[in-house]
N, C-alpha and C. Protein backbone atom coordinates (compact mmCIF):
# COMPACT_ATOMS: atom_id res chain seq x y z
N MET A 1 33.07 31.99 15.55
CA MET A 1 31.82 32.22 15.04
C MET A 1 31.45 31.11 13.95
N ASP A 2 32.46 30.73 13.14
CA ASP A 2 32.31 29.58 12.16
C ASP A 2 32.34 28.22 12.92
N GLU A 3 32.97 28.38 13.92
CA GLU A 3 33.01 26.97 14.76
C GLU A 3 31.68 26.65 15.29
N LEU A 4 31.04 27.62 15.68
CA LEU A 4 29.82 27.74 16.37
C LEU A 4 28.63 27.26 15.33
N GLU A 5 28.86 27.86 14.05
CA GLU A 5 27.84 27.40 13.09
C GLU A 5 28.03 25.99 12.61
N GLU A 6 29.20 25.66 12.60
CA GLU A 6 29.63 24.11 12.31
C GLU A 6 28.81 23.38 13.21
N ILE A 7 28.94 23.48 14.45
CA ILE A 7 28.36 22.76 15.49
C ILE A 7 26.96 22.79 15.38
N ARG A 8 26.36 23.92 15.12
CA ARG A 8 24.86 23.85 14.90
C ARG A 8 24.39 23.06 13.64
N ARG A 9 25.47 23.27 12.48
CA ARG A 9 24.96 22.45 11.29
C ARG A 9 25.08 20.88 11.48
N ARG A 10 26.23 20.56 12.36
CA ARG A 10 26.32 19.12 12.37
C ARG A 10 25.12 18.59 13.27
N LYS A 11 24.56 19.33 14.37
CA LYS A 11 23.66 19.06 15.32
C LYS A 11 22.47 18.92 14.50
N MET A 12 22.15 19.90 13.56
CA MET A 12 20.93 19.80 12.78
C MET A 12 20.89 18.71 11.72
N LEU A 13 22.15 18.20 11.32
CA LEU A 13 22.05 17.07 10.49
C LEU A 13 21.82 15.90 11.37
N GLU A 14 22.31 15.98 12.57
CA GLU A 14 22.14 14.61 13.38
C GLU A 14 20.75 14.33 13.71
N TYR A 15 19.99 15.59 13.88
CA TYR A 15 18.51 15.70 14.30
C TYR A 15 17.62 15.09 13.03
N GLN A 16 18.21 15.75 11.78
CA GLN A 16 17.54 15.34 10.60
C GLN A 16 17.59 13.73 10.35
N GLN A 17 18.55 13.18 10.62
CA GLN A 17 19.05 11.82 10.28
C GLN A 17 18.24 10.99 11.40
N LYS A 18 18.18 11.44 12.56
CA LYS A 18 17.56 10.57 13.55
C LYS A 18 15.93 10.57 13.25
N LEU A 19 15.43 11.86 12.89
CA LEU A 19 14.04 11.88 12.61
C LEU A 19 13.74 10.94 11.19
N ALA A 20 14.70 10.85 10.38
CA ALA A 20 14.57 10.05 8.98
C ALA A 20 14.41 8.66 9.62
N GLN A 21 15.32 8.31 10.44
CA GLN A 21 15.30 6.84 10.92
C GLN A 21 14.20 6.66 11.66
N GLU A 22 13.52 7.35 12.55
CA GLU A 22 12.21 7.10 13.13
C GLU A 22 11.06 7.13 12.29
N GLN A 23 11.06 8.02 11.08
CA GLN A 23 10.07 7.90 10.29
C GLN A 23 10.22 6.49 9.58
N GLU A 24 10.98 6.00 8.96
CA GLU A 24 11.38 4.89 8.45
C GLU A 24 10.81 3.75 9.32
N LEU A 25 11.41 3.77 10.36
CA LEU A 25 10.70 2.61 11.37
C LEU A 25 9.27 2.80 11.65
N ALA A 26 8.72 3.87 11.76
CA ALA A 26 7.15 3.85 11.99
C ALA A 26 6.58 3.36 10.46
N LYS A 27 7.16 3.67 9.43
CA LYS A 27 6.44 3.11 8.34
C LYS A 27 6.58 1.73 8.14
N ARG A 28 7.64 1.12 8.38
CA ARG A 28 7.83 -0.18 8.39
C ARG A 28 7.01 -1.12 9.42
N GLN A 29 6.58 -0.34 10.62
CA GLN A 29 5.82 -0.90 11.40
C GLN A 29 4.35 -0.87 10.92
N ALA A 30 3.99 0.22 10.28
CA ALA A 30 2.70 0.38 9.80
C ALA A 30 2.46 -0.76 8.63
N GLU A 31 3.48 -0.92 7.96
CA GLU A 31 3.35 -1.98 6.75
C GLU A 31 3.11 -3.44 7.28
N LEU A 32 3.92 -3.55 8.48
CA LEU A 32 3.81 -4.88 9.06
C LEU A 32 2.41 -5.06 9.67
N GLN A 33 1.89 -4.06 10.35
CA GLN A 33 0.64 -4.35 10.83
C GLN A 33 -0.54 -4.44 9.85
N LEU A 34 -0.34 -3.73 8.65
CA LEU A 34 -1.11 -3.70 7.57
C LEU A 34 -1.27 -5.16 6.98
N ARG A 35 -0.05 -5.79 6.83
CA ARG A 35 0.14 -7.06 6.22
C ARG A 35 -0.59 -8.04 7.21
N ALA A 36 -0.34 -8.04 8.59
CA ALA A 36 -0.91 -8.80 9.57
C ALA A 36 -2.35 -8.83 9.21
N LEU A 37 -3.15 -7.59 9.15
CA LEU A 37 -4.36 -7.38 9.12
C LEU A 37 -4.91 -8.22 7.85
N LEU A 38 -4.28 -7.77 6.64
CA LEU A 38 -4.77 -8.35 5.53
C LEU A 38 -4.69 -9.87 5.50
N LYS A 39 -3.61 -10.55 6.13
CA LYS A 39 -3.56 -11.87 6.34
C LYS A 39 -4.82 -12.54 6.97
N ARG A 40 -5.02 -11.73 8.02
CA ARG A 40 -6.23 -12.16 8.86
C ARG A 40 -7.49 -12.19 8.01
N ILE A 41 -7.61 -11.19 7.24
CA ILE A 41 -9.08 -10.89 6.52
C ILE A 41 -9.14 -11.49 5.11
N LEU A 42 -7.80 -12.09 4.57
CA LEU A 42 -8.00 -12.58 3.47
C LEU A 42 -7.55 -14.24 3.40
N GLU A 43 -8.07 -14.97 2.68
CA GLU A 43 -7.46 -16.33 2.39
C GLU A 43 -6.02 -16.38 1.85
N PRO A 44 -5.48 -17.30 2.03
CA PRO A 44 -4.04 -17.56 1.37
C PRO A 44 -3.95 -16.77 -0.02
N ASP A 45 -4.82 -17.54 -0.90
CA ASP A 45 -4.89 -17.40 -2.48
C ASP A 45 -5.07 -15.90 -2.49
N ALA A 46 -6.02 -15.17 -1.92
CA ALA A 46 -6.44 -13.88 -2.03
C ALA A 46 -5.30 -12.79 -1.57
N PHE A 47 -4.53 -13.25 -0.51
CA PHE A 47 -3.61 -12.66 0.03
C PHE A 47 -2.56 -12.55 -1.03
N GLU A 48 -2.22 -13.67 -1.65
CA GLU A 48 -1.09 -13.59 -2.66
C GLU A 48 -1.44 -12.88 -3.83
N ARG A 49 -2.70 -12.90 -4.20
CA ARG A 49 -3.14 -12.10 -5.58
C ARG A 49 -2.94 -10.51 -5.19
N LEU A 50 -3.44 -10.31 -3.97
CA LEU A 50 -2.94 -8.80 -3.62
C LEU A 50 -1.82 -8.61 -3.66
N GLY A 51 -0.88 -9.47 -3.31
CA GLY A 51 0.66 -9.17 -3.48
C GLY A 51 1.03 -8.90 -5.04
N ARG A 52 0.37 -9.81 -5.62
CA ARG A 52 0.87 -9.64 -7.16
C ARG A 52 0.15 -8.33 -7.75
N VAL A 53 -0.81 -7.97 -7.18
CA VAL A 53 -1.59 -6.52 -7.66
C VAL A 53 -0.58 -5.61 -7.29
N LYS A 54 -0.10 -5.60 -5.96
CA LYS A 54 0.75 -4.48 -5.53
C LYS A 54 1.92 -4.21 -6.53
N LEU A 55 2.43 -5.13 -7.10
CA LEU A 55 3.70 -5.35 -7.81
C LEU A 55 3.15 -4.57 -9.27
N SER A 56 2.03 -5.00 -9.88
CA SER A 56 1.60 -4.74 -11.20
C SER A 56 0.95 -3.39 -11.21
N SER A 57 0.18 -3.06 -10.15
CA SER A 57 -0.58 -1.78 -10.26
C SER A 57 -0.69 -1.34 -8.84
N PRO A 58 0.27 -0.48 -8.50
CA PRO A 58 0.19 0.13 -7.11
C PRO A 58 -1.04 0.92 -6.88
N GLU A 59 -1.88 1.64 -7.91
CA GLU A 59 -2.87 2.45 -7.49
C GLU A 59 -3.87 1.56 -7.25
N LEU A 60 -4.19 0.37 -8.03
CA LEU A 60 -5.21 -0.46 -7.75
C LEU A 60 -5.16 -1.33 -6.42
N TYR A 61 -3.88 -1.56 -6.08
CA TYR A 61 -3.58 -2.06 -4.69
C TYR A 61 -4.03 -1.12 -3.47
N ALA A 62 -3.61 0.18 -3.80
CA ALA A 62 -3.99 1.18 -3.00
C ALA A 62 -5.50 1.28 -2.60
N LYS A 63 -6.34 1.15 -3.72
CA LYS A 63 -7.83 1.26 -3.66
C LYS A 63 -8.23 0.19 -3.02
N ALA A 64 -7.71 -1.22 -3.40
CA ALA A 64 -8.24 -2.51 -2.65
C ALA A 64 -7.95 -2.42 -1.11
N VAL A 65 -6.76 -2.04 -0.85
CA VAL A 65 -6.69 -2.00 0.58
C VAL A 65 -7.42 -1.09 1.43
N GLN A 66 -7.61 0.29 0.68
CA GLN A 66 -8.33 1.35 1.52
C GLN A 66 -9.88 0.72 1.63
N TYR A 67 -10.39 0.14 0.59
CA TYR A 67 -11.76 -0.38 0.58
C TYR A 67 -11.83 -1.74 1.76
N LEU A 68 -10.77 -2.57 1.56
CA LEU A 68 -10.83 -3.59 2.36
C LEU A 68 -10.69 -3.11 4.06
N LEU A 69 -9.96 -2.19 4.06
CA LEU A 69 -9.74 -1.53 5.73
C LEU A 69 -11.28 -0.86 6.01
N ALA A 70 -11.85 -0.23 4.94
CA ALA A 70 -13.17 0.49 5.40
C ALA A 70 -14.21 -0.64 5.76
N LEU A 71 -14.05 -1.61 5.00
CA LEU A 71 -15.04 -2.77 5.29
C LEU A 71 -14.86 -3.56 6.71
N TYR A 72 -13.44 -3.39 6.94
CA TYR A 72 -13.10 -4.11 8.12
C TYR A 72 -13.51 -3.14 9.65
N GLN A 73 -13.37 -1.98 9.35
CA GLN A 73 -13.52 -0.88 10.22
C GLN A 73 -14.89 -0.94 10.54
N ALA A 74 -15.85 -1.19 9.48
CA ALA A 74 -17.25 -1.24 9.74
C ALA A 74 -17.81 -2.15 10.34
N GLY A 75 -16.78 -3.39 10.32
CA GLY A 75 -17.28 -4.79 10.78
C GLY A 75 -18.20 -5.44 9.86
N ARG A 76 -17.87 -4.98 8.49
CA ARG A 76 -18.69 -5.87 7.57
C ARG A 76 -17.88 -7.04 6.79
N ILE A 77 -16.78 -7.42 7.44
CA ILE A 77 -16.10 -8.57 7.23
C ILE A 77 -16.26 -9.52 8.14
N THR A 78 -17.26 -10.51 7.94
CA THR A 78 -17.21 -11.70 9.09
C THR A 78 -16.59 -12.93 8.71
N LYS A 79 -16.02 -13.19 7.61
CA LYS A 79 -15.40 -14.28 7.33
C LYS A 79 -14.19 -13.95 6.49
N LYS A 80 -13.43 -14.78 6.21
CA LYS A 80 -12.17 -14.36 5.36
C LYS A 80 -12.47 -14.43 3.85
N ILE A 81 -12.05 -13.29 3.07
CA ILE A 81 -12.36 -13.04 1.84
C ILE A 81 -11.61 -14.10 0.92
N THR A 82 -12.45 -14.71 0.03
CA THR A 82 -11.79 -15.63 -0.85
C THR A 82 -11.01 -14.88 -2.26
N ASP A 83 -10.23 -15.87 -2.98
CA ASP A 83 -9.65 -15.10 -4.05
C ASP A 83 -10.79 -14.82 -5.10
N ALA A 84 -11.84 -15.48 -5.40
CA ALA A 84 -12.73 -15.12 -6.24
C ALA A 84 -13.51 -13.76 -5.84
N GLN A 85 -13.84 -13.58 -4.45
CA GLN A 85 -14.50 -12.26 -4.00
C GLN A 85 -13.29 -11.11 -4.16
N LEU A 86 -12.15 -11.44 -3.87
CA LEU A 86 -10.97 -10.45 -4.09
C LEU A 86 -10.97 -9.96 -5.65
N LYS A 87 -11.03 -10.91 -6.79
CA LYS A 87 -10.96 -10.89 -8.00
C LYS A 87 -12.24 -9.97 -8.50
N ALA A 88 -13.38 -10.32 -7.95
CA ALA A 88 -14.50 -9.41 -8.04
C ALA A 88 -14.56 -7.92 -7.81
N LEU A 89 -13.75 -7.81 -6.42
CA LEU A 89 -13.50 -6.26 -6.10
C LEU A 89 -12.39 -5.68 -7.03
N LEU A 90 -11.48 -6.42 -7.26
CA LEU A 90 -10.41 -5.86 -8.16
C LEU A 90 -11.10 -5.38 -9.32
N LEU A 91 -12.03 -6.26 -10.16
CA LEU A 91 -12.61 -5.77 -11.37
C LEU A 91 -13.63 -4.56 -11.08
N ARG A 92 -14.12 -4.46 -10.15
CA ARG A 92 -15.02 -3.28 -9.86
C ARG A 92 -14.33 -1.96 -9.45
N LEU A 93 -13.04 -2.03 -8.84
CA LEU A 93 -12.37 -1.18 -8.71
C LEU A 93 -11.42 -0.45 -9.78
N ARG A 94 -11.30 -1.43 -10.60
CA ARG A 94 -10.46 -1.22 -11.80
C ARG A 94 -11.15 -0.32 -12.79
N GLY A 95 -12.49 -0.72 -12.91
CA GLY A 95 -13.49 -0.24 -13.78
C GLY A 95 -13.39 -0.65 -15.33
N PRO A 96 -13.98 -0.15 -16.05
CA PRO A 96 -13.90 -0.80 -17.51
C PRO A 96 -12.72 -0.58 -18.10
N LYS A 97 -12.46 -1.52 -18.86
CA LYS A 97 -10.96 -1.60 -19.78
C LYS A 97 -11.10 -0.64 -20.76
N ARG A 98 -10.15 0.23 -21.00
CA ARG A 98 -10.25 1.00 -22.38
C ARG A 98 -9.93 0.05 -23.30
N GLU A 99 -10.44 0.14 -24.72
CA GLU A 99 -9.84 -0.48 -25.60
C GLU A 99 -8.85 0.12 -26.35
N THR A 100 -7.91 -0.28 -26.94
CA THR A 100 -6.85 0.18 -27.80
C THR A 100 -6.93 0.01 -29.24
N LYS A 101 -7.16 1.05 -30.26
CA LYS A 101 -7.66 0.63 -31.31
C LYS A 101 -6.29 1.25 -32.21
N ILE A 102 -5.93 0.45 -33.18
CA ILE A 102 -4.45 0.78 -34.03
C ILE A 102 -5.29 0.94 -35.39
N LYS A 103 -5.19 2.01 -36.10
CA LYS A 103 -5.40 2.00 -37.50
C LYS A 103 -4.34 2.26 -38.23
N ILE A 104 -4.10 1.53 -39.29
CA ILE A 104 -2.97 1.49 -40.15
C ILE A 104 -3.42 2.17 -41.41
N MET A 105 -2.82 3.10 -41.68
CA MET A 105 -3.14 4.03 -42.96
C MET A 105 -2.15 3.54 -43.93
N HIS A 106 -2.69 3.39 -45.19
CA HIS A 106 -1.78 3.00 -46.61
C HIS A 106 -1.70 4.40 -47.29
């Protein structure tokens, strides 16, 4: 009985590992497709800026990509988006900056 349980456990572990590998591969392929699409709709400077935004503010990057994909799918992108246009979009998506005030008490 213990031997049968061990075989089942090993098979389940193998299945889980295979599933995890397939999910990782699918995730990589989706990232590559997204990257290729962004390169197609953004000018090189804008593409680089978006890459920097991804590093500094993942939430803003996700919003921007989602917005750009919606525009692309709706057929509203007719020519490559410039760096200036992307900057304006990022500012709109980020919203107003909050001011930080520091009071020094004596």
